[in-house]
Each structure stands twice: as C-alpha cells, then as structure tokens.
Protein backbone atom coordinates (compact mmCIF):
# COMPACT_ATOMS: atom_id res chain seq x y z
CA UNK A 1 0.00 0.00 0.00
CA UNK A 2 1.31 3.45 -0.86
CA UNK A 3 1.92 6.21 1.65
CA UNK A 4 -0.84 8.28 0.04
CA UNK A 5 -3.30 5.40 0.50
CA UNK A 6 -2.25 4.97 4.13
CA UNK A 7 -2.70 8.69 4.77
CA UNK A 8 -6.15 8.66 3.15
CA UNK A 9 -7.22 5.71 5.32
CA UNK A 10 -5.82 7.42 8.42
CA UNK A 11 -7.73 10.64 7.67
CA UNK A 12 -10.95 8.70 7.00
CA UNK A 13 -10.58 6.79 10.28
CA UNK A 14 -9.95 10.01 12.21
CA UNK A 15 -13.05 11.58 10.65
CA UNK A 16 -15.14 8.55 11.61
CA UNK A 17 -13.88 8.79 15.19
CA UNK A 18 -14.57 12.53 15.55
CA UNK A 19 -17.09 13.34 18.27
CA UNK A 20 -19.25 16.37 18.88
CA UNK A 21 -21.22 17.75 21.77
CA UNK A 22 -24.81 18.90 21.35
CA UNK A 23 -23.64 22.50 21.61
CA UNK A 24 -21.00 21.91 18.90
CA UNK A 25 -23.68 20.72 16.48
CA UNK A 26 -26.11 23.40 17.58
CA UNK A 27 -23.58 26.11 16.74
CA UNK A 28 -22.40 24.50 13.52
CA UNK A 29 -25.90 24.15 12.07
CA UNK A 30 -27.42 27.20 13.79
CA UNK A 31 -30.24 25.25 15.39
CA UNK A 32 -31.32 24.84 19.00
CA UNK A 33 -30.23 21.99 21.21
CA UNK A 34 -33.92 21.29 21.67
CA UNK A 35 -34.23 20.60 17.93
CA UNK A 36 -31.34 18.17 18.08
CA UNK A 37 -32.93 16.37 21.03
CA UNK A 38 -36.21 16.25 19.08
CA UNK A 39 -34.48 14.55 16.14
CA UNK A 40 -33.00 12.12 18.62
CA UNK A 41 -36.46 11.42 20.09
CA UNK A 42 -37.70 10.76 16.55
CA UNK A 43 -34.96 8.14 16.11
CA UNK A 44 -33.20 10.04 13.34
CA UNK A 45 -29.93 10.40 15.21
CA UNK A 46 -28.62 8.27 18.05
CA UNK A 47 -25.77 9.67 20.10
CA UNK A 48 -23.96 7.60 22.65
CA UNK A 49 -24.09 8.75 26.25
CA UNK A 50 -21.48 9.28 28.86
CA UNK A 51 -23.55 9.83 31.98
CA UNK A 52 -26.00 12.59 31.06
CA UNK A 53 -23.80 13.89 28.24
CA UNK A 54 -24.73 13.12 24.65
CA UNK A 55 -21.78 12.30 22.40
CA UNK A 56 -22.45 12.60 18.68
CA UNK A 57 -20.26 10.95 16.06
CA UNK A 58 -19.65 11.74 12.39
CA UNK A 59 -22.65 9.63 11.36
CA UNK A 60 -24.94 11.70 13.60
CA UNK A 61 -23.44 14.91 12.21
CA UNK A 62 -24.02 13.81 8.60
CA UNK A 63 -27.57 12.70 9.42
CA UNK A 64 -28.29 16.05 11.05
CA UNK A 65 -27.00 17.80 7.95
CA UNK A 66 -29.27 15.62 5.77
CA UNK A 67 -32.27 16.25 8.05
CA UNK A 68 -31.82 20.01 7.72
CA UNK A 69 -31.28 19.80 3.95
CA UNK A 70 -34.41 17.69 3.66
CA UNK A 71 -36.39 20.22 5.68
CA UNK A 72 -35.24 23.03 3.38
CA UNK A 73 -36.43 20.99 0.39
CA UNK A 74 -39.79 20.31 2.03
CA UNK A 75 -39.24 16.69 3.04
CA UNK A 76 -41.02 15.55 6.17
CA UNK A 77 -39.07 13.96 9.00
CA UNK A 78 -40.91 10.72 8.23
CA UNK A 79 -39.63 10.80 4.64
CA UNK A 80 -36.09 11.50 5.83
CA UNK A 81 -36.38 8.70 8.39
CA UNK A 82 -37.56 6.33 5.68
CA UNK A 83 -34.45 7.06 3.63
CA UNK A 84 -32.23 6.51 6.68
CA UNK A 85 -33.95 3.16 7.32
CA UNK A 86 -33.35 2.09 3.73
CA UNK A 87 -29.69 3.04 3.97
CA UNK A 88 -29.27 1.20 7.27
CA UNK A 89 -30.95 -1.94 5.88
CA UNK A 90 -29.31 -1.94 2.46
CA UNK A 91 -26.01 -0.15 1.93
CA UNK A 92 -26.33 -0.51 -1.85
CA UNK A 93 -27.75 2.65 -3.23
CA UNK A 94 -30.11 1.33 -5.92
CA UNK A 95 -33.12 0.88 -3.63
CA UNK A 96 -32.36 4.16 -1.86
CA UNK A 97 -32.15 6.05 -5.13
CA UNK A 98 -35.39 4.54 -6.40
CA UNK A 99 -37.14 5.53 -3.18
CA UNK A 100 -35.58 8.98 -3.33
CA UNK A 101 -36.88 9.37 -6.88
CA UNK A 102 -40.39 8.44 -5.69
CA UNK A 103 -40.19 10.98 -2.87
CA UNK A 104 -38.87 13.66 -5.24
CA UNK A 105 -41.67 13.00 -7.74
CA UNK A 106 -44.26 13.21 -4.97
CA UNK A 107 -42.72 16.42 -3.59
CA UNK A 108 -42.59 18.01 -7.06
CA UNK A 109 -46.24 17.11 -7.59
CA UNK A 110 -47.19 18.72 -4.28
CA UNK A 111 -45.20 21.86 -5.07
CA UNK A 112 -46.71 22.15 -8.56
CA UNK A 113 -50.19 21.87 -7.03
CA UNK A 114 -49.30 24.59 -4.51
CA UNK A 115 -47.95 26.74 -7.35
CA UNK A 116 -51.21 26.31 -9.29
CA UNK A 117 -53.19 27.20 -6.16
CA UNK A 118 -51.06 30.31 -5.59
CA UNK A 119 -51.53 31.40 -9.21
CA UNK A 120 -55.30 31.03 -8.86
CA UNK A 121 -55.33 33.06 -5.65
CA UNK A 122 -53.21 35.78 -7.30
CA UNK A 123 -55.70 36.02 -10.16
CA UNK A 124 -58.55 36.35 -7.67
CA UNK A 125 -56.64 39.02 -5.73
CA UNK A 126 -55.94 40.94 -8.97
CA UNK A 127 -59.66 40.87 -9.81
CA UNK A 128 -60.58 42.00 -6.30
CA UNK A 129 -57.99 44.79 -6.47
CA UNK A 130 -59.41 46.00 -9.82
CA UNK A 131 -62.94 45.98 -8.40
CA UNK A 132 -61.80 47.93 -5.34
CA UNK A 133 -60.02 50.52 -7.49
CA UNK A 134 -63.09 50.86 -9.75
CA UNK A 135 -65.43 51.28 -6.78
CA UNK A 136 -63.04 53.76 -5.14
CA UNK A 137 -62.85 55.81 -8.36
CA UNK A 138 -66.66 55.83 -8.62
CA UNK A 139 -66.95 56.97 -5.01
CA UNK A 140 -64.43 59.77 -5.60
CA UNK A 141 -66.32 60.89 -8.71
CA UNK A 142 -69.67 61.03 -6.89
CA UNK A 143 -68.24 62.99 -3.94
CA UNK A 144 -66.26 65.45 -6.09
CA UNK A 145 -69.14 66.19 -8.51
CA UNK A 146 -70.93 69.39 -7.41
CA UNK A 147 -74.69 69.16 -6.94
CA UNK A 148 -76.79 71.46 -9.08
C-alpha cells in the first residue's frame, strides 16, 4: 500500500472517530439543542451517552446535515427517516435512489399543485384589487361632482 493510500485511510478513520457535543452541532448548524434532542427522540440520530452527556459521532453529524437539507427541500421527518432506514438496511444505493426518486416525484407534484393554487389566488386578488379601485374611483367621482 502506498503512503498516500495509508494517509487517506488514516484521515478517513480520524473523521469517523470525531465526536461532537450537542452545543458543537447546535452552533455548527445554527439550530437549537432542543431541535437536536427532538431529532434524537424521533430516532433520526442516536448519540452515545457518557452519563448525562450526549456524544455525537460523524454519522450523527451527517444525518443532522441531511435532516436540515431535507427540511429546506420540504421533506417531512418521516420521509427522511424512511431514507435513513433504507440506507441502514441496504447499503447498496439502488433501492435508496429509487425511493428517493419516488419521494422527489411526490414532492414536485405537491409543489406544482401549490404553485397552481397560488396562481389562482393571485388572479382572484388581482380581480378583487381591480374591483376595489373601480369602486373607489366611482366613489371619488360622486363625492367630487358638485350638486346642481
């Protein structure tokens, strides 16, 4: 094995062994410790404990990053948990990717429906605004017209 390969393995092992406190992760991801504990309660991350202290490893850190990315993209915690379960059960990515594609298709469908709904509401608001402006103009004309 080459020196470069040995160094790469050493760095990967050190990264796997890195540990984090709840406050470390809270600061890194700009979330509350309460949120992290909630994700733990939901079974999405599972720190080890030393007494009352939670000790998070690299796996927990990556999962937390994925949870937050999923939230930004509109994925529910249940959907994220489902992907984690698939990964834990089957390390090959084919089944995970197929499931991810299903979730993405479903999410896109939901977002397109929301977009259609928003467009419809905007049209209704435009119509209402036009009616209000018309009525306001009529009211101004009747109050500014002198009586004979």
